[in-house]
Amino acid sequence: LEKIKSSGKNAADGMDELGRKITAGNFMHAAEILSGVSDKVTELGKSAIESATQMADSQQDIQANLGLTGKEAEKLQGVVKNVFENG
């Protein structure tokens, strides 16, 4: 029982120390940092969607202007992808 009592007191002391180290200011600072991260992730997502939409629109414009069929457009897309990947 003494060991259990001692372990319980050690755990309580550890929790008290942790409580002293964690202040409202620390939580607010962490919340501010996380808020900034979530804002950046949201911006990244919006940019990715915008880029994908612009790419799809460009492909449709090229296909229409060159009078390509769907299959021909797919082949051209492969060529363009190869050029961008391999130079």
PDB file of N, CA and C in Angstrom:
ATOM      1  N   LEU A   1       0.820  -1.192   0.000  1.00  0.00           N
ATOM      2  CA  LEU A   1       0.000   0.000   0.000  1.00  0.00           C
ATOM      3  C   LEU A   1       0.868   1.262   0.000  1.00  0.00           C
ATOM      4  N   GLU A   2       1.995   1.192   0.667  1.00  0.00           N
ATOM      5  CA  GLU A   2       2.890   2.350   0.697  1.00  0.00           C
ATOM      6  C   GLU A   2       3.411   2.670  -0.708  1.00  0.00           C
ATOM      7  N   LYS A   3       3.723   1.601  -1.482  1.00  0.00           N
ATOM      8  CA  LYS A   3       4.203   1.809  -2.852  1.00  0.00           C
ATOM      9  C   LYS A   3       3.123   2.458  -3.709  1.00  0.00           C
ATOM     10  N   ILE A   4       1.897   2.005  -3.545  1.00  0.00           N
ATOM     11  CA  ILE A   4       0.789   2.579  -4.319  1.00  0.00           C
ATOM     12  C   ILE A   4       0.598   4.034  -3.913  1.00  0.00           C
ATOM     13  N   LYS A   5       0.668   4.304  -2.607  1.00  0.00           N
ATOM     14  CA  LYS A   5       0.520   5.672  -2.111  1.00  0.00           C
ATOM     15  C   LYS A   5       1.614   6.564  -2.688  1.00  0.00           C
ATOM     16  N   SER A   6       2.854   6.052  -2.675  1.00  0.00           N
ATOM     17  CA  SER A   6       3.991   6.808  -3.189  1.00  0.00           C
ATOM     18  C   SER A   6       3.839   7.059  -4.692  1.00  0.00           C
ATOM     19  N   SER A   7       3.419   6.030  -5.441  1.00  0.00           N
ATOM     20  CA  SER A   7       3.223   6.179  -6.889  1.00  0.00           C
ATOM     21  C   SER A   7       2.131   7.193  -7.177  1.00  0.00           C
ATOM     22  N   GLY A   8       1.057   7.140  -6.386  1.00  0.00           N
ATOM     23  CA  GLY A   8      -0.031   8.101  -6.566  1.00  0.00           C
ATOM     24  C   GLY A   8       0.426   9.521  -6.304  1.00  0.00           C
ATOM     25  N   LYS A   9       1.240   9.711  -5.251  1.00  0.00           N
ATOM     26  CA  LYS A   9       1.745  11.040  -4.935  1.00  0.00           C
ATOM     27  C   LYS A   9       2.675  11.526  -6.048  1.00  0.00           C
ATOM     28  N   ASN A  10       3.531  10.638  -6.562  1.00  0.00           N
ATOM     29  CA  ASN A  10       4.427  11.014  -7.660  1.00  0.00           C
ATOM     30  C   ASN A  10       3.642  11.421  -8.901  1.00  0.00           C
ATOM     31  N   ALA A  11       2.591  10.686  -9.202  1.00  0.00           N
ATOM     32  CA  ALA A  11       1.758  11.019 -10.354  1.00  0.00           C
ATOM     33  C   ALA A  11       1.089  12.366 -10.140  1.00  0.00           C
ATOM     34  N   ALA A  12       0.583  12.600  -8.940  1.00  0.00           N
ATOM     35  CA  ALA A  12      -0.066  13.879  -8.636  1.00  0.00           C
ATOM     36  C   ALA A  12       0.929  15.024  -8.729  1.00  0.00           C
ATOM     37  N   ASP A  13       2.145  14.822  -8.217  1.00  0.00           N
ATOM     38  CA  ASP A  13       3.174  15.856  -8.299  1.00  0.00           C
ATOM     39  C   ASP A  13       3.525  16.160  -9.765  1.00  0.00           C
ATOM     40  N   GLY A  14       3.626  15.102 -10.545  1.00  0.00           N
ATOM     41  CA  GLY A  14       3.918  15.279 -11.969  1.00  0.00           C
ATOM     42  C   GLY A  14       2.816  16.055 -12.678  1.00  0.00           C
ATOM     43  N   MET A  15       1.570  15.773 -12.335  1.00  0.00           N
ATOM     44  CA  MET A  15       0.442  16.484 -12.942  1.00  0.00           C
ATOM     45  C   MET A  15       0.444  17.949 -12.506  1.00  0.00           C
ATOM     46  N   ASP A  16       0.784  18.213 -11.245  1.00  0.00           N
ATOM     47  CA  ASP A  16       0.873  19.596 -10.771  1.00  0.00           C
ATOM     48  C   ASP A  16       1.940  20.363 -11.534  1.00  0.00           C
ATOM     49  N   GLU A  17       3.091  19.722 -11.706  1.00  0.00           N
ATOM     50  CA  GLU A  17       4.186  20.369 -12.441  1.00  0.00           C
ATOM     51  C   GLU A  17       3.777  20.641 -13.880  1.00  0.00           C
ATOM     52  N   LEU A  18       3.129  19.676 -14.494  1.00  0.00           N
ATOM     53  CA  LEU A  18       2.662  19.852 -15.865  1.00  0.00           C
ATOM     54  C   LEU A  18       1.668  21.002 -15.933  1.00  0.00           C
ATOM     55  N   GLY A  19       0.778  21.076 -14.975  1.00  0.00           N
ATOM     56  CA  GLY A  19      -0.197  22.157 -14.930  1.00  0.00           C
ATOM     57  C   GLY A  19       0.458  23.520 -14.813  1.00  0.00           C
ATOM     58  N   ARG A  20       1.539  23.606 -14.053  1.00  0.00           N
ATOM     59  CA  ARG A  20       2.250  24.883 -13.914  1.00  0.00           C
ATOM     60  C   ARG A  20       2.935  25.274 -15.218  1.00  0.00           C
ATOM     61  N   LYS A  21       3.415  24.307 -15.959  1.00  0.00           N
ATOM     62  CA  LYS A  21       4.127  24.602 -17.201  1.00  0.00           C
ATOM     63  C   LYS A  21       3.184  24.975 -18.339  1.00  0.00           C
ATOM     64  N   ILE A  22       1.990  24.412 -18.300  1.00  0.00           N
ATOM     65  CA  ILE A  22       1.013  24.700 -19.358  1.00  0.00           C
ATOM     66  C   ILE A  22       0.154  25.860 -18.879  1.00  0.00           C
ATOM     67  N   THR A  23       0.289  26.966 -19.533  1.00  0.00           N
ATOM     68  CA  THR A  23      -0.488  28.137 -19.158  1.00  0.00           C
ATOM     69  C   THR A  23      -1.446  28.478 -20.277  1.00  0.00           C
ATOM     70  N   ALA A  24      -2.355  29.374 -19.974  1.00  0.00           N
ATOM     71  CA  ALA A  24      -3.295  29.822 -21.003  1.00  0.00           C
ATOM     72  C   ALA A  24      -2.550  30.464 -22.161  1.00  0.00           C
ATOM     73  N   GLY A  25      -1.459  31.142 -21.853  1.00  0.00           N
ATOM     74  CA  GLY A  25      -0.653  31.772 -22.904  1.00  0.00           C
ATOM     75  C   GLY A  25      -0.079  30.751 -23.865  1.00  0.00           C
ATOM     76  N   ASN A  26       0.387  29.633 -23.327  1.00  0.00           N
ATOM     77  CA  ASN A  26       0.919  28.572 -24.192  1.00  0.00           C
ATOM     78  C   ASN A  26      -0.168  28.042 -25.113  1.00  0.00           C
ATOM     79  N   PHE A  27      -1.360  27.836 -24.538  1.00  0.00           N
ATOM     80  CA  PHE A  27      -2.457  27.334 -25.354  1.00  0.00           C
ATOM     81  C   PHE A  27      -2.838  28.334 -26.439  1.00  0.00           C
ATOM     82  N   MET A  28      -2.875  29.615 -26.088  1.00  0.00           N
ATOM     83  CA  MET A  28      -3.221  30.636 -27.074  1.00  0.00           C
ATOM     84  C   MET A  28      -2.178  30.694 -28.187  1.00  0.00           C
ATOM     85  N   HIS A  29      -0.912  30.599 -27.802  1.00  0.00           N
ATOM     86  CA  HIS A  29       0.163  30.622 -28.803  1.00  0.00           C
ATOM     87  C   HIS A  29       0.045  29.423 -29.745  1.00  0.00           C
ATOM     88  N   ALA A  30      -0.197  28.258 -29.177  1.00  0.00           N
ATOM     89  CA  ALA A  30      -0.366  27.058 -30.001  1.00  0.00           C
ATOM     90  C   ALA A  30      -1.573  27.196 -30.913  1.00  0.00           C
ATOM     91  N   ALA A  31      -2.660  27.750 -30.396  1.00  0.00           N
ATOM     92  CA  ALA A  31      -3.863  27.936 -31.216  1.00  0.00           C
ATOM     93  C   ALA A  31      -3.600  28.892 -32.378  1.00  0.00           C
ATOM     94  N   GLU A  32      -2.835  29.947 -32.112  1.00  0.00           N
ATOM     95  CA  GLU A  32      -2.491  30.901 -33.173  1.00  0.00           C
ATOM     96  C   GLU A  32      -1.662  30.222 -34.264  1.00  0.00           C
ATOM     97  N   ILE A  33      -0.698  29.427 -33.852  1.00  0.00           N
ATOM     98  CA  ILE A  33       0.153  28.723 -34.819  1.00  0.00           C
ATOM     99  C   ILE A  33      -0.689  27.765 -35.660  1.00  0.00           C
ATOM    100  N   LEU A  34      -1.533  26.984 -34.991  1.00  0.00           N
ATOM    101  CA  LEU A  34      -2.369  26.027 -35.718  1.00  0.00           C
ATOM    102  C   LEU A  34      -3.351  26.733 -36.642  1.00  0.00           C
ATOM    103  N   SER A  35      -3.856  27.877 -36.223  1.00  0.00           N
ATOM    104  CA  SER A  35      -4.762  28.643 -37.067  1.00  0.00           C
ATOM    105  C   SER A  35      -4.053  29.080 -38.341  1.00  0.00           C
ATOM    106  N   GLY A  36      -2.818  29.556 -38.188  1.00  0.00           N
ATOM    107  CA  GLY A  36      -2.043  29.965 -39.358  1.00  0.00           C
ATOM    108  C   GLY A  36      -1.778  28.800 -40.293  1.00  0.00           C
ATOM    109  N   VAL A  37      -1.511  27.631 -39.744  1.00  0.00           N
ATOM    110  CA  VAL A  37      -1.273  26.440 -40.562  1.00  0.00           C
ATOM    111  C   VAL A  37      -2.533  26.065 -41.330  1.00  0.00           C
ATOM    112  N   SER A  38      -3.668  26.088 -40.652  1.00  0.00           N
ATOM    113  CA  SER A  38      -4.909  25.698 -41.335  1.00  0.00           C
ATOM    114  C   SER A  38      -5.247  26.692 -42.441  1.00  0.00           C
ATOM    115  N   ASP A  39      -4.955  27.977 -42.223  1.00  0.00           N
ATOM    116  CA  ASP A  39      -5.186  28.975 -43.267  1.00  0.00           C
ATOM    117  C   ASP A  39      -4.331  28.678 -44.496  1.00  0.00           C
ATOM    118  N   LYS A  40      -3.073  28.322 -44.261  1.00  0.00           N
ATOM    119  CA  LYS A  40      -2.165  28.024 -45.383  1.00  0.00           C
ATOM    120  C   LYS A  40      -2.597  26.760 -46.122  1.00  0.00           C
ATOM    121  N   VAL A  41      -3.067  25.754 -45.394  1.00  0.00           N
ATOM    122  CA  VAL A  41      -3.538  24.525 -46.038  1.00  0.00           C
ATOM    123  C   VAL A  41      -4.768  24.824 -46.887  1.00  0.00           C
ATOM    124  N   THR A  42      -5.652  25.677 -46.377  1.00  0.00           N
ATOM    125  CA  THR A  42      -6.843  26.061 -47.141  1.00  0.00           C
ATOM    126  C   THR A  42      -6.436  26.794 -48.418  1.00  0.00           C
ATOM    127  N   GLU A  43      -5.481  27.731 -48.308  1.00  0.00           N
ATOM    128  CA  GLU A  43      -4.990  28.453 -49.480  1.00  0.00           C
ATOM    129  C   GLU A  43      -4.373  27.490 -50.493  1.00  0.00           C
ATOM    130  N   LEU A  44      -3.613  26.529 -50.010  1.00  0.00           N
ATOM    131  CA  LEU A  44      -2.993  25.546 -50.898  1.00  0.00           C
ATOM    132  C   LEU A  44      -4.051  24.748 -51.647  1.00  0.00           C
ATOM    133  N   GLY A  45      -5.082  24.323 -50.945  1.00  0.00           N
ATOM    134  CA  GLY A  45      -6.171  23.578 -51.582  1.00  0.00           C
ATOM    135  C   GLY A  45      -6.862  24.392 -52.646  1.00  0.00           C
ATOM    136  N   LYS A  46      -7.139  25.660 -52.340  1.00  0.00           N
ATOM    137  CA  LYS A  46      -7.795  26.534 -53.316  1.00  0.00           C
ATOM    138  C   LYS A  46      -6.926  26.726 -54.550  1.00  0.00           C
ATOM    139  N   SER A  47      -5.627  26.902 -54.325  1.00  0.00           N
ATOM    140  CA  SER A  47      -4.699  27.078 -55.448  1.00  0.00           C
ATOM    141  C   SER A  47      -4.628  25.820 -56.310  1.00  0.00           C
ATOM    142  N   ALA A  48      -4.642  24.667 -55.671  1.00  0.00           N
ATOM    143  CA  ALA A  48      -4.587  23.409 -56.423  1.00  0.00           C
ATOM    144  C   ALA A  48      -5.836  23.247 -57.287  1.00  0.00           C
ATOM    145  N   ILE A  49      -6.990  23.567 -56.734  1.00  0.00           N
ATOM    146  CA  ILE A  49      -8.239  23.466 -57.497  1.00  0.00           C
ATOM    147  C   ILE A  49      -8.224  24.450 -58.653  1.00  0.00           C
ATOM    148  N   GLU A  50      -7.766  25.674 -58.395  1.00  0.00           N
ATOM    149  CA  GLU A  50      -7.698  26.685 -59.447  1.00  0.00           C
ATOM    150  C   GLU A  50      -6.754  26.255 -60.569  1.00  0.00           C
ATOM    151  N   SER A  51      -5.600  25.705 -60.207  1.00  0.00           N
ATOM    152  CA  SER A  51      -4.635  25.238 -61.210  1.00  0.00           C
ATOM    153  C   SER A  51      -5.200  24.100 -62.046  1.00  0.00           C
ATOM    154  N   ALA A  52      -5.873  23.164 -61.398  1.00  0.00           N
ATOM    155  CA  ALA A  52      -6.468  22.037 -62.124  1.00  0.00           C
ATOM    156  C   ALA A  52      -7.548  22.524 -63.077  1.00  0.00           C
ATOM    157  N   THR A  53      -8.344  23.475 -62.637  1.00  0.00           N
ATOM    158  CA  THR A  53      -9.404  24.024 -63.488  1.00  0.00           C
ATOM    159  C   THR A  53      -8.809  24.741 -64.685  1.00  0.00           C
ATOM    160  N   GLN A  54      -7.761  25.530 -64.459  1.00  0.00           N
ATOM    161  CA  GLN A  54      -7.105  26.233 -65.566  1.00  0.00           C
ATOM    162  C   GLN A  54      -6.488  25.249 -66.555  1.00  0.00           C
ATOM    163  N   MET A  55      -5.911  24.177 -66.044  1.00  0.00           N
ATOM    164  CA  MET A  55      -5.308  23.166 -66.919  1.00  0.00           C
ATOM    165  C   MET A  55      -6.380  22.497 -67.776  1.00  0.00           C
ATOM    166  N   ALA A  56      -7.487  22.136 -67.158  1.00  0.00           N
ATOM    167  CA  ALA A  56      -8.577  21.498 -67.912  1.00  0.00           C
ATOM    168  C   ALA A  56      -9.129  22.445 -68.963  1.00  0.00           C
ATOM    169  N   ASP A  57      -9.307  23.715 -68.593  1.00  0.00           N
ATOM    170  CA  ASP A  57      -9.800  24.703 -69.555  1.00  0.00           C
ATOM    171  C   ASP A  57      -8.827  24.863 -70.716  1.00  0.00           C
ATOM    172  N   SER A  58      -7.536  24.904 -70.413  1.00  0.00           N
ATOM    173  CA  SER A  58      -6.518  25.046 -71.462  1.00  0.00           C
ATOM    174  C   SER A  58      -6.546  23.859 -72.411  1.00  0.00           C
ATOM    175  N   GLN A  59      -6.679  22.657 -71.856  1.00  0.00           N
ATOM    176  CA  GLN A  59      -6.725  21.467 -72.703  1.00  0.00           C
ATOM    177  C   GLN A  59      -7.947  21.498 -73.610  1.00  0.00           C
ATOM    178  N   GLN A  60      -9.071  21.933 -73.084  1.00  0.00           N
ATOM    179  CA  GLN A  60     -10.285  22.021 -73.900  1.00  0.00           C
ATOM    180  C   GLN A  60     -10.119  23.068 -74.999  1.00  0.00           C
ATOM    181  N   ASP A  61      -9.485  24.209 -74.676  1.00  0.00           N
ATOM    182  CA  ASP A  61      -9.242  25.249 -75.679  1.00  0.00           C
ATOM    183  C   ASP A  61      -8.333  24.728 -76.793  1.00  0.00           C
ATOM    184  N   ILE A  62      -7.265  24.048 -76.409  1.00  0.00           N
ATOM    185  CA  ILE A  62      -6.335  23.511 -77.413  1.00  0.00           C
ATOM    186  C   ILE A  62      -7.051  22.495 -78.293  1.00  0.00           C
ATOM    187  N   GLN A  63      -7.803  21.615 -77.666  1.00  0.00           N
ATOM    188  CA  GLN A  63      -8.536  20.591 -78.417  1.00  0.00           C
ATOM    189  C   GLN A  63      -9.500  21.242 -79.397  1.00  0.00           C
ATOM    190  N   ALA A  64     -10.229  22.244 -78.970  1.00  0.00           N
ATOM    191  CA  ALA A  64     -11.204  22.917 -79.840  1.00  0.00           C
ATOM    192  C   ALA A  64     -10.506  23.680 -80.957  1.00  0.00           C
ATOM    193  N   ASN A  65      -9.431  24.407 -80.616  1.00  0.00           N
ATOM    194  CA  ASN A  65      -8.736  25.209 -81.622  1.00  0.00           C
ATOM    195  C   ASN A  65      -8.026  24.365 -82.666  1.00  0.00           C
ATOM    196  N   LEU A  66      -7.575  23.185 -82.278  1.00  0.00           N
ATOM    197  CA  LEU A  66      -6.895  22.320 -83.236  1.00  0.00           C
ATOM    198  C   LEU A  66      -7.842  21.330 -83.897  1.00  0.00           C
ATOM    199  N   GLY A  67      -9.093  21.320 -83.469  1.00  0.00           N
ATOM    200  CA  GLY A  67     -10.067  20.406 -84.042  1.00  0.00           C
ATOM    201  C   GLY A  67      -9.747  18.949 -83.757  1.00  0.00           C
ATOM    202  N   LEU A  68      -9.254  18.657 -82.590  1.00  0.00           N
ATOM    203  CA  LEU A  68      -8.851  17.297 -82.242  1.00  0.00           C
ATOM    204  C   LEU A  68     -10.022  16.486 -81.708  1.00  0.00           C
ATOM    205  N   THR A  69      -9.969  15.196 -81.963  1.00  0.00           N
ATOM    206  CA  THR A  69     -10.922  14.286 -81.334  1.00  0.00           C
ATOM    207  C   THR A  69     -10.439  14.014 -79.910  1.00  0.00           C
ATOM    208  N   GLY A  70     -11.249  13.348 -79.143  1.00  0.00           N
ATOM    209  CA  GLY A  70     -10.870  13.012 -77.768  1.00  0.00           C
ATOM    210  C   GLY A  70      -9.603  12.184 -77.716  1.00  0.00           C
ATOM    211  N   LYS A  71      -9.502  11.188 -78.611  1.00  0.00           N
ATOM    212  CA  LYS A  71      -8.320  10.319 -78.650  1.00  0.00           C
ATOM    213  C   LYS A  71      -7.076  11.115 -79.035  1.00  0.00           C
ATOM    214  N   GLU A  72      -7.219  11.983 -80.017  1.00  0.00           N
ATOM    215  CA  GLU A  72      -6.076  12.790 -80.452  1.00  0.00           C
ATOM    216  C   GLU A  72      -5.625  13.731 -79.330  1.00  0.00           C
ATOM    217  N   ALA A  73      -6.585  14.266 -78.613  1.00  0.00           N
ATOM    218  CA  ALA A  73      -6.254  15.151 -77.484  1.00  0.00           C
ATOM    219  C   ALA A  73      -5.504  14.382 -76.399  1.00  0.00           C
ATOM    220  N   GLU A  74      -5.911  13.144 -76.135  1.00  0.00           N
ATOM    221  CA  GLU A  74      -5.216  12.324 -75.141  1.00  0.00           C
ATOM    222  C   GLU A  74      -3.773  12.068 -75.565  1.00  0.00           C
ATOM    223  N   LYS A  75      -3.567  11.793 -76.864  1.00  0.00           N
ATOM    224  CA  LYS A  75      -2.203  11.578 -77.363  1.00  0.00           C
ATOM    225  C   LYS A  75      -1.364  12.847 -77.194  1.00  0.00           C
ATOM    226  N   LEU A  76      -1.962  13.987 -77.533  1.00  0.00           N
ATOM    227  CA  LEU A  76      -1.255  15.252 -77.402  1.00  0.00           C
ATOM    228  C   LEU A  76      -0.923  15.530 -75.933  1.00  0.00           C
ATOM    229  N   GLN A  77      -1.828  15.187 -75.054  1.00  0.00           N
ATOM    230  CA  GLN A  77      -1.588  15.370 -73.629  1.00  0.00           C
ATOM    231  C   GLN A  77      -0.379  14.543 -73.185  1.00  0.00           C
ATOM    232  N   GLY A  78      -0.269  13.340 -73.704  1.00  0.00           N
ATOM    233  CA  GLY A  78       0.883  12.498 -73.386  1.00  0.00           C
ATOM    234  C   GLY A  78       2.186  13.112 -73.860  1.00  0.00           C
ATOM    235  N   VAL A  79       2.166  13.709 -75.046  1.00  0.00           N
ATOM    236  CA  VAL A  79       3.356  14.367 -75.584  1.00  0.00           C
ATOM    237  C   VAL A  79       3.737  15.562 -74.709  1.00  0.00           C
ATOM    238  N   VAL A  80       2.745  16.367 -74.359  1.00  0.00           N
ATOM    239  CA  VAL A  80       3.006  17.547 -73.528  1.00  0.00           C
ATOM    240  C   VAL A  80       3.558  17.125 -72.166  1.00  0.00           C
ATOM    241  N   LYS A  81       2.970  16.107 -71.572  1.00  0.00           N
ATOM    242  CA  LYS A  81       3.428  15.616 -70.273  1.00  0.00           C
ATOM    243  C   LYS A  81       4.877  15.149 -70.366  1.00  0.00           C
ATOM    244  N   ASN A  82       5.207  14.445 -71.439  1.00  0.00           N
ATOM    245  CA  ASN A  82       6.568  13.955 -71.650  1.00  0.00           C
ATOM    246  C   ASN A  82       7.556  15.112 -71.772  1.00  0.00           C
ATOM    247  N   VAL A  83       7.162  16.145 -72.502  1.00  0.00           N
ATOM    248  CA  VAL A  83       8.046  17.307 -72.679  1.00  0.00           C
ATOM    249  C   VAL A  83       8.308  17.984 -71.333  1.00  0.00           C
ATOM    250  N   PHE A  84       7.249  18.171 -70.530  1.00  0.00           N
ATOM    251  CA  PHE A  84       7.427  18.806 -69.227  1.00  0.00           C
ATOM    252  C   PHE A  84       8.250  17.958 -68.279  1.00  0.00           C
ATOM    253  N   GLU A  85       8.093  16.649 -68.324  1.00  0.00           N
ATOM    254  CA  GLU A  85       8.826  15.772 -67.417  1.00  0.00           C
ATOM    255  C   GLU A  85      10.269  15.559 -67.845  1.00  0.00           C
ATOM    256  N   ASN A  86      10.500  15.473 -69.162  1.00  0.00           N
ATOM    257  CA  ASN A  86      11.821  15.109 -69.660  1.00  0.00           C
ATOM    258  C   ASN A  86      12.550  16.219 -70.412  1.00  0.00           C
ATOM    259  N   GLY A  87      11.884  17.323 -70.662  1.00  0.00           N
ATOM    260  CA  GLY A  87      12.514  18.467 -71.323  1.00  0.00           C
ATOM    261  C   GLY A  87      12.525  18.405 -72.796  1.00  0.00           C
TER     262      GLY A  87
END
